[in-house]
């Protein structure tokens, strides 16, 4: 149901961000900064960031669409 709702409202089906191409760059930067600020307050540290694999927008740790990628595996 979440997938259908995101398709109907014009959002990415993976991370849920708006897919408006006409959003001004300054508005986009302000949105990213406010999301990061809220996550810094919640986590107590700077959140990890990555790009959504579907829409290539920035996704922070703790938001939908963030995938934990472990590059190093400890084998003991």
PDB file of N, CA and C in Angstrom:
ATOM      1  N   UNK A   1       0.822  -1.193   0.000  1.00  0.00           N
ATOM      2  CA  UNK A   1       0.000   0.000   0.000  1.00  0.00           C
ATOM      3  C   UNK A   1       0.869   1.261   0.000  1.00  0.00           C
ATOM      4  N   UNK A   2       1.996   1.206   0.705  1.00  0.00           N
ATOM      5  CA  UNK A   2       2.908   2.350   0.749  1.00  0.00           C
ATOM      6  C   UNK A   2       3.434   2.662  -0.657  1.00  0.00           C
ATOM      7  N   UNK A   3       3.743   1.626  -1.422  1.00  0.00           N
ATOM      8  CA  UNK A   3       4.236   1.782  -2.787  1.00  0.00           C
ATOM      9  C   UNK A   3       3.214   2.530  -3.646  1.00  0.00           C
ATOM     10  N   UNK A   4       1.960   2.122  -3.568  1.00  0.00           N
ATOM     11  CA  UNK A   4       0.899   2.746  -4.365  1.00  0.00           C
ATOM     12  C   UNK A   4       0.713   4.204  -3.955  1.00  0.00           C
ATOM     13  N   UNK A   5       0.730   4.481  -2.645  1.00  0.00           N
ATOM     14  CA  UNK A   5       0.553   5.847  -2.166  1.00  0.00           C
ATOM     15  C   UNK A   5       1.686   6.745  -2.657  1.00  0.00           C
ATOM     16  N   UNK A   6       2.910   6.251  -2.609  1.00  0.00           N
ATOM     17  CA  UNK A   6       4.045   7.043  -3.069  1.00  0.00           C
ATOM     18  C   UNK A   6       3.970   7.312  -4.569  1.00  0.00           C
ATOM     19  N   UNK A   7       3.528   6.323  -5.347  1.00  0.00           N
ATOM     20  CA  UNK A   7       3.371   6.526  -6.795  1.00  0.00           C
ATOM     21  C   UNK A   7       2.310   7.590  -7.081  1.00  0.00           C
ATOM     22  N   UNK A   8       1.193   7.560  -6.344  1.00  0.00           N
ATOM     23  CA  UNK A   8       0.105   8.503  -6.575  1.00  0.00           C
ATOM     24  C   UNK A   8       0.475   9.925  -6.174  1.00  0.00           C
ATOM     25  N   UNK A   9       1.297  10.078  -5.154  1.00  0.00           N
ATOM     26  CA  UNK A   9       1.654  11.412  -4.667  1.00  0.00           C
ATOM     27  C   UNK A   9       2.948  11.947  -5.280  1.00  0.00           C
ATOM     28  N   UNK A  10       3.550  11.227  -6.231  1.00  0.00           N
ATOM     29  CA  UNK A  10       4.739  11.705  -6.919  1.00  0.00           C
ATOM     30  C   UNK A  10       5.997  11.641  -6.082  1.00  0.00           C
ATOM     31  N   UNK A  11       6.159  10.552  -5.342  1.00  0.00           N
ATOM     32  CA  UNK A  11       7.341  10.376  -4.507  1.00  0.00           C
ATOM     33  C   UNK A  11       8.116   9.147  -4.952  1.00  0.00           C
ATOM     34  N   UNK A  12       9.393   9.091  -4.568  1.00  0.00           N
ATOM     35  CA  UNK A  12      10.214   7.923  -4.865  1.00  0.00           C
ATOM     36  C   UNK A  12       9.646   6.726  -4.116  1.00  0.00           C
ATOM     37  N   UNK A  13       9.543   5.591  -4.773  1.00  0.00           N
ATOM     38  CA  UNK A  13       8.953   4.415  -4.141  1.00  0.00           C
ATOM     39  C   UNK A  13       9.881   3.770  -3.128  1.00  0.00           C
ATOM     40  N   UNK A  14      11.169   4.112  -3.147  1.00  0.00           N
ATOM     41  CA  UNK A  14      12.116   3.520  -2.206  1.00  0.00           C
ATOM     42  C   UNK A  14      12.332   4.387  -0.970  1.00  0.00           C
ATOM     43  N   UNK A  15      12.605   5.692  -1.162  1.00  0.00           N
ATOM     44  CA  UNK A  15      12.923   6.555  -0.020  1.00  0.00           C
ATOM     45  C   UNK A  15      11.785   7.499   0.365  1.00  0.00           C
ATOM     46  N   UNK A  16      10.821   7.729  -0.509  1.00  0.00           N
ATOM     47  CA  UNK A  16       9.662   8.551  -0.176  1.00  0.00           C
ATOM     48  C   UNK A  16       9.860  10.048  -0.367  1.00  0.00           C
ATOM     49  N   UNK A  17      10.959  10.483  -0.968  1.00  0.00           N
ATOM     50  CA  UNK A  17      11.180  11.912  -1.181  1.00  0.00           C
ATOM     51  C   UNK A  17      10.430  12.390  -2.408  1.00  0.00           C
ATOM     52  N   UNK A  18      10.059  13.689  -2.398  1.00  0.00           N
ATOM     53  CA  UNK A  18       9.343  14.270  -3.534  1.00  0.00           C
ATOM     54  C   UNK A  18      10.205  14.261  -4.782  1.00  0.00           C
ATOM     55  N   UNK A  19       9.596  13.983  -5.913  1.00  0.00           N
ATOM     56  CA  UNK A  19      10.314  13.938  -7.179  1.00  0.00           C
ATOM     57  C   UNK A  19      10.028  15.165  -8.038  1.00  0.00           C
ATOM     58  N   UNK A  20       9.869  16.318  -7.411  1.00  0.00           N
ATOM     59  CA  UNK A  20       9.642  17.559  -8.151  1.00  0.00           C
ATOM     60  C   UNK A  20      10.935  18.015  -8.787  1.00  0.00           C
ATOM     61  N   UNK A  21      10.931  18.170 -10.101  1.00  0.00           N
ATOM     62  CA  UNK A  21      12.104  18.649 -10.792  1.00  0.00           C
ATOM     63  C   UNK A  21      12.196  20.164 -10.797  1.00  0.00           C
ATOM     64  N   UNK A  22      11.123  20.848 -10.422  1.00  0.00           N
ATOM     65  CA  UNK A  22      11.107  22.301 -10.471  1.00  0.00           C
ATOM     66  C   UNK A  22      11.380  22.948  -9.119  1.00  0.00           C
ATOM     67  N   UNK A  23      11.881  22.189  -8.149  1.00  0.00           N
ATOM     68  CA  UNK A  23      12.222  22.744  -6.842  1.00  0.00           C
ATOM     69  C   UNK A  23      13.541  23.517  -6.960  1.00  0.00           C
ATOM     70  N   UNK A  24      13.570  24.728  -6.423  1.00  0.00           N
ATOM     71  CA  UNK A  24      14.775  25.558  -6.504  1.00  0.00           C
ATOM     72  C   UNK A  24      15.911  24.914  -5.708  1.00  0.00           C
ATOM     73  N   UNK A  25      17.128  25.170  -6.154  1.00  0.00           N
ATOM     74  CA  UNK A  25      18.298  24.590  -5.503  1.00  0.00           C
ATOM     75  C   UNK A  25      18.416  25.054  -4.065  1.00  0.00           C
ATOM     76  N   UNK A  26      18.129  26.320  -3.806  1.00  0.00           N
ATOM     77  CA  UNK A  26      18.225  26.835  -2.437  1.00  0.00           C
ATOM     78  C   UNK A  26      17.194  26.164  -1.526  1.00  0.00           C
ATOM     79  N   UNK A  27      16.002  25.890  -2.034  1.00  0.00           N
ATOM     80  CA  UNK A  27      14.986  25.191  -1.252  1.00  0.00           C
ATOM     81  C   UNK A  27      15.432  23.769  -0.941  1.00  0.00           C
ATOM     82  N   UNK A  28      16.045  23.114  -1.911  1.00  0.00           N
ATOM     83  CA  UNK A  28      16.529  21.742  -1.728  1.00  0.00           C
ATOM     84  C   UNK A  28      17.628  21.693  -0.672  1.00  0.00           C
ATOM     85  N   UNK A  29      18.551  22.652  -0.714  1.00  0.00           N
ATOM     86  CA  UNK A  29      19.637  22.706   0.265  1.00  0.00           C
ATOM     87  C   UNK A  29      19.084  22.962   1.664  1.00  0.00           C
ATOM     88  N   UNK A  30      18.120  23.864   1.785  1.00  0.00           N
ATOM     89  CA  UNK A  30      17.504  24.129   3.087  1.00  0.00           C
ATOM     90  C   UNK A  30      16.797  22.892   3.631  1.00  0.00           C
ATOM     91  N   UNK A  31      16.132  22.157   2.764  1.00  0.00           N
ATOM     92  CA  UNK A  31      15.450  20.927   3.183  1.00  0.00           C
ATOM     93  C   UNK A  31      16.456  19.886   3.682  1.00  0.00           C
ATOM     94  N   UNK A  32      17.547  19.707   2.960  1.00  0.00           N
ATOM     95  CA  UNK A  32      18.575  18.742   3.360  1.00  0.00           C
ATOM     96  C   UNK A  32      19.200  19.142   4.691  1.00  0.00           C
ATOM     97  N   UNK A  33      19.503  20.433   4.862  1.00  0.00           N
ATOM     98  CA  UNK A  33      20.098  20.911   6.105  1.00  0.00           C
ATOM     99  C   UNK A  33      19.163  20.745   7.298  1.00  0.00           C
ATOM    100  N   UNK A  34      17.877  20.995   7.109  1.00  0.00           N
ATOM    101  CA  UNK A  34      16.933  20.841   8.222  1.00  0.00           C
ATOM    102  C   UNK A  34      16.761  19.367   8.599  1.00  0.00           C
ATOM    103  N   UNK A  35      16.753  18.477   7.599  1.00  0.00           N
ATOM    104  CA  UNK A  35      16.669  17.048   7.907  1.00  0.00           C
ATOM    105  C   UNK A  35      17.903  16.587   8.671  1.00  0.00           C
ATOM    106  N   UNK A  36      19.076  17.050   8.258  1.00  0.00           N
ATOM    107  CA  UNK A  36      20.315  16.677   8.937  1.00  0.00           C
ATOM    108  C   UNK A  36      20.342  17.217  10.361  1.00  0.00           C
ATOM    109  N   UNK A  37      19.855  18.436  10.564  1.00  0.00           N
ATOM    110  CA  UNK A  37      19.825  19.031  11.901  1.00  0.00           C
ATOM    111  C   UNK A  37      18.931  18.236  12.839  1.00  0.00           C
ATOM    112  N   UNK A  38      17.764  17.823  12.359  1.00  0.00           N
ATOM    113  CA  UNK A  38      16.851  17.030  13.187  1.00  0.00           C
ATOM    114  C   UNK A  38      17.475  15.681  13.551  1.00  0.00           C
ATOM    115  N   UNK A  39      18.186  15.080  12.619  1.00  0.00           N
ATOM    116  CA  UNK A  39      18.824  13.792  12.896  1.00  0.00           C
ATOM    117  C   UNK A  39      20.017  13.937  13.838  1.00  0.00           C
ATOM    118  N   UNK A  40      20.747  15.048  13.767  1.00  0.00           N
ATOM    119  CA  UNK A  40      21.850  15.287  14.705  1.00  0.00           C
ATOM    120  C   UNK A  40      21.298  15.385  16.123  1.00  0.00           C
ATOM    121  N   UNK A  41      20.173  16.062  16.286  1.00  0.00           N
ATOM    122  CA  UNK A  41      19.554  16.173  17.602  1.00  0.00           C
ATOM    123  C   UNK A  41      19.067  14.814  18.108  1.00  0.00           C
ATOM    124  N   UNK A  42      18.522  14.001  17.219  1.00  0.00           N
ATOM    125  CA  UNK A  42      17.993  12.693  17.624  1.00  0.00           C
ATOM    126  C   UNK A  42      19.105  11.683  17.896  1.00  0.00           C
ATOM    127  N   UNK A  43      20.144  11.659  17.064  1.00  0.00           N
ATOM    128  CA  UNK A  43      21.212  10.670  17.195  1.00  0.00           C
ATOM    129  C   UNK A  43      22.327  11.115  18.135  1.00  0.00           C
ATOM    130  N   UNK A  44      22.520  12.421  18.283  1.00  0.00           N
ATOM    131  CA  UNK A  44      23.608  12.928  19.103  1.00  0.00           C
ATOM    132  C   UNK A  44      24.940  12.956  18.368  1.00  0.00           C
ATOM    133  N   UNK A  45      24.932  12.743  17.072  1.00  0.00           N
ATOM    134  CA  UNK A  45      26.139  12.776  16.241  1.00  0.00           C
ATOM    135  C   UNK A  45      25.707  13.037  14.809  1.00  0.00           C
ATOM    136  N   UNK A  46      26.669  13.253  13.957  1.00  0.00           N
ATOM    137  CA  UNK A  46      26.345  13.474  12.539  1.00  0.00           C
ATOM    138  C   UNK A  46      25.871  12.173  11.902  1.00  0.00           C
ATOM    139  N   UNK A  47      24.764  12.195  11.169  1.00  0.00           N
ATOM    140  CA  UNK A  47      24.269  10.968  10.546  1.00  0.00           C
ATOM    141  C   UNK A  47      25.067  10.611   9.299  1.00  0.00           C
ATOM    142  N   UNK A  48      25.097   9.332   8.988  1.00  0.00           N
ATOM    143  CA  UNK A  48      25.692   8.876   7.736  1.00  0.00           C
ATOM    144  C   UNK A  48      24.745   9.249   6.600  1.00  0.00           C
ATOM    145  N   UNK A  49      25.289   9.500   5.425  1.00  0.00           N
ATOM    146  CA  UNK A  49      24.483   9.870   4.268  1.00  0.00           C
ATOM    147  C   UNK A  49      24.860   8.997   3.085  1.00  0.00           C
ATOM    148  N   UNK A  50      23.888   8.732   2.232  1.00  0.00           N
ATOM    149  CA  UNK A  50      24.125   7.999   1.003  1.00  0.00           C
ATOM    150  C   UNK A  50      23.073   8.417  -0.012  1.00  0.00           C
ATOM    151  N   UNK A  51      23.239   8.019  -1.245  1.00  0.00           N
ATOM    152  CA  UNK A  51      22.275   8.324  -2.296  1.00  0.00           C
ATOM    153  C   UNK A  51      21.274   7.186  -2.410  1.00  0.00           C
ATOM    154  N   UNK A  52      20.022   7.544  -2.683  1.00  0.00           N
ATOM    155  CA  UNK A  52      18.997   6.546  -2.948  1.00  0.00           C
ATOM    156  C   UNK A  52      19.347   5.847  -4.255  1.00  0.00           C
ATOM    157  N   UNK A  53      19.265   4.541  -4.268  1.00  0.00           N
ATOM    158  CA  UNK A  53      19.635   3.796  -5.473  1.00  0.00           C
ATOM    159  C   UNK A  53      18.620   3.974  -6.603  1.00  0.00           C
ATOM    160  N   UNK A  54      17.429   4.459  -6.280  1.00  0.00           N
ATOM    161  CA  UNK A  54      16.409   4.623  -7.308  1.00  0.00           C
ATOM    162  C   UNK A  54      16.345   6.044  -7.870  1.00  0.00           C
ATOM    163  N   UNK A  55      16.366   7.064  -6.993  1.00  0.00           N
ATOM    164  CA  UNK A  55      16.204   8.445  -7.463  1.00  0.00           C
ATOM    165  C   UNK A  55      17.460   9.297  -7.293  1.00  0.00           C
ATOM    166  N   UNK A  56      18.499   8.760  -6.687  1.00  0.00           N
ATOM    167  CA  UNK A  56      19.798   9.417  -6.504  1.00  0.00           C
ATOM    168  C   UNK A  56      19.750  10.654  -5.612  1.00  0.00           C
ATOM    169  N   UNK A  57      18.765  10.760  -4.760  1.00  0.00           N
ATOM    170  CA  UNK A  57      18.707  11.863  -3.807  1.00  0.00           C
ATOM    171  C   UNK A  57      19.386  11.450  -2.509  1.00  0.00           C
ATOM    172  N   UNK A  58      19.758  12.422  -1.685  1.00  0.00           N
ATOM    173  CA  UNK A  58      20.463  12.147  -0.434  1.00  0.00           C
ATOM    174  C   UNK A  58      19.505  11.561   0.588  1.00  0.00           C
ATOM    175  N   UNK A  59      19.915  10.441   1.197  1.00  0.00           N
ATOM    176  CA  UNK A  59      19.153   9.779   2.250  1.00  0.00           C
ATOM    177  C   UNK A  59      20.063   9.668   3.465  1.00  0.00           C
ATOM    178  N   UNK A  60      19.572  10.105   4.615  1.00  0.00           N
ATOM    179  CA  UNK A  60      20.353  10.062   5.836  1.00  0.00           C
ATOM    180  C   UNK A  60      20.028   8.814   6.646  1.00  0.00           C
ATOM    181  N   UNK A  61      20.948   8.474   7.533  1.00  0.00           N
ATOM    182  CA  UNK A  61      20.770   7.332   8.439  1.00  0.00           C
ATOM    183  C   UNK A  61      19.514   7.558   9.279  1.00  0.00           C
ATOM    184  N   UNK A  62      18.681   6.555   9.388  1.00  0.00           N
ATOM    185  CA  UNK A  62      17.453   6.653  10.167  1.00  0.00           C
ATOM    186  C   UNK A  62      16.234   7.021   9.341  1.00  0.00           C
ATOM    187  N   UNK A  63      16.410   7.332   8.069  1.00  0.00           N
ATOM    188  CA  UNK A  63      15.288   7.652   7.194  1.00  0.00           C
ATOM    189  C   UNK A  63      14.951   6.440   6.331  1.00  0.00           C
ATOM    190  N   UNK A  64      13.714   6.373   5.815  1.00  0.00           N
ATOM    191  CA  UNK A  64      13.376   5.270   4.917  1.00  0.00           C
ATOM    192  C   UNK A  64      14.257   5.301   3.678  1.00  0.00           C
ATOM    193  N   UNK A  65      14.685   4.141   3.239  1.00  0.00           N
ATOM    194  CA  UNK A  65      15.526   4.037   2.053  1.00  0.00           C
ATOM    195  C   UNK A  65      17.010   3.952   2.359  1.00  0.00           C
ATOM    196  N   UNK A  66      17.402   4.167   3.624  1.00  0.00           N
ATOM    197  CA  UNK A  66      18.812   4.055   3.994  1.00  0.00           C
ATOM    198  C   UNK A  66      19.151   2.581   4.160  1.00  0.00           C
ATOM    199  N   UNK A  67      20.241   2.143   3.521  1.00  0.00           N
ATOM    200  CA  UNK A  67      20.645   0.744   3.558  1.00  0.00           C
ATOM    201  C   UNK A  67      22.001   0.658   4.246  1.00  0.00           C
ATOM    202  N   UNK A  68      22.093  -0.167   5.290  1.00  0.00           N
ATOM    203  CA  UNK A  68      23.376  -0.372   5.952  1.00  0.00           C
ATOM    204  C   UNK A  68      24.260  -1.183   5.022  1.00  0.00           C
ATOM    205  N   UNK A  69      25.411  -0.647   4.705  1.00  0.00           N
ATOM    206  CA  UNK A  69      26.366  -1.346   3.841  1.00  0.00           C
ATOM    207  C   UNK A  69      27.636  -1.568   4.641  1.00  0.00           C
ATOM    208  N   UNK A  70      27.900  -2.806   4.934  1.00  0.00           N
ATOM    209  CA  UNK A  70      29.103  -3.141   5.690  1.00  0.00           C
ATOM    210  C   UNK A  70      30.173  -3.578   4.716  1.00  0.00           C
ATOM    211  N   UNK A  71      31.255  -2.811   4.652  1.00  0.00           N
ATOM    212  CA  UNK A  71      32.333  -3.132   3.723  1.00  0.00           C
ATOM    213  C   UNK A  71      33.335  -4.110   4.314  1.00  0.00           C
ATOM    214  N   UNK A  72      33.514  -4.059   5.619  1.00  0.00           N
ATOM    215  CA  UNK A  72      34.472  -4.930   6.280  1.00  0.00           C
ATOM    216  C   UNK A  72      33.725  -5.977   7.098  1.00  0.00           C
ATOM    217  N   UNK A  73      34.156  -7.220   6.983  1.00  0.00           N
ATOM    218  CA  UNK A  73      33.541  -8.310   7.735  1.00  0.00           C
ATOM    219  C   UNK A  73      34.613  -8.907   8.638  1.00  0.00           C
ATOM    220  N   UNK A  74      34.358  -8.912   9.935  1.00  0.00           N
ATOM    221  CA  UNK A  74      35.301  -9.494  10.884  1.00  0.00           C
ATOM    222  C   UNK A  74      34.974 -10.972  11.063  1.00  0.00           C
ATOM    223  N   UNK A  75      35.930 -11.811  10.784  1.00  0.00           N
ATOM    224  CA  UNK A  75      35.773 -13.248  10.975  1.00  0.00           C
ATOM    225  C   UNK A  75      36.746 -13.665  12.052  1.00  0.00           C
ATOM    226  N   UNK A  76      36.212 -14.132  13.165  1.00  0.00           N
ATOM    227  CA  UNK A  76      37.064 -14.565  14.277  1.00  0.00           C
ATOM    228  C   UNK A  76      36.946 -16.040  14.504  1.00  0.00           C
TER     229      UNK A  76
END
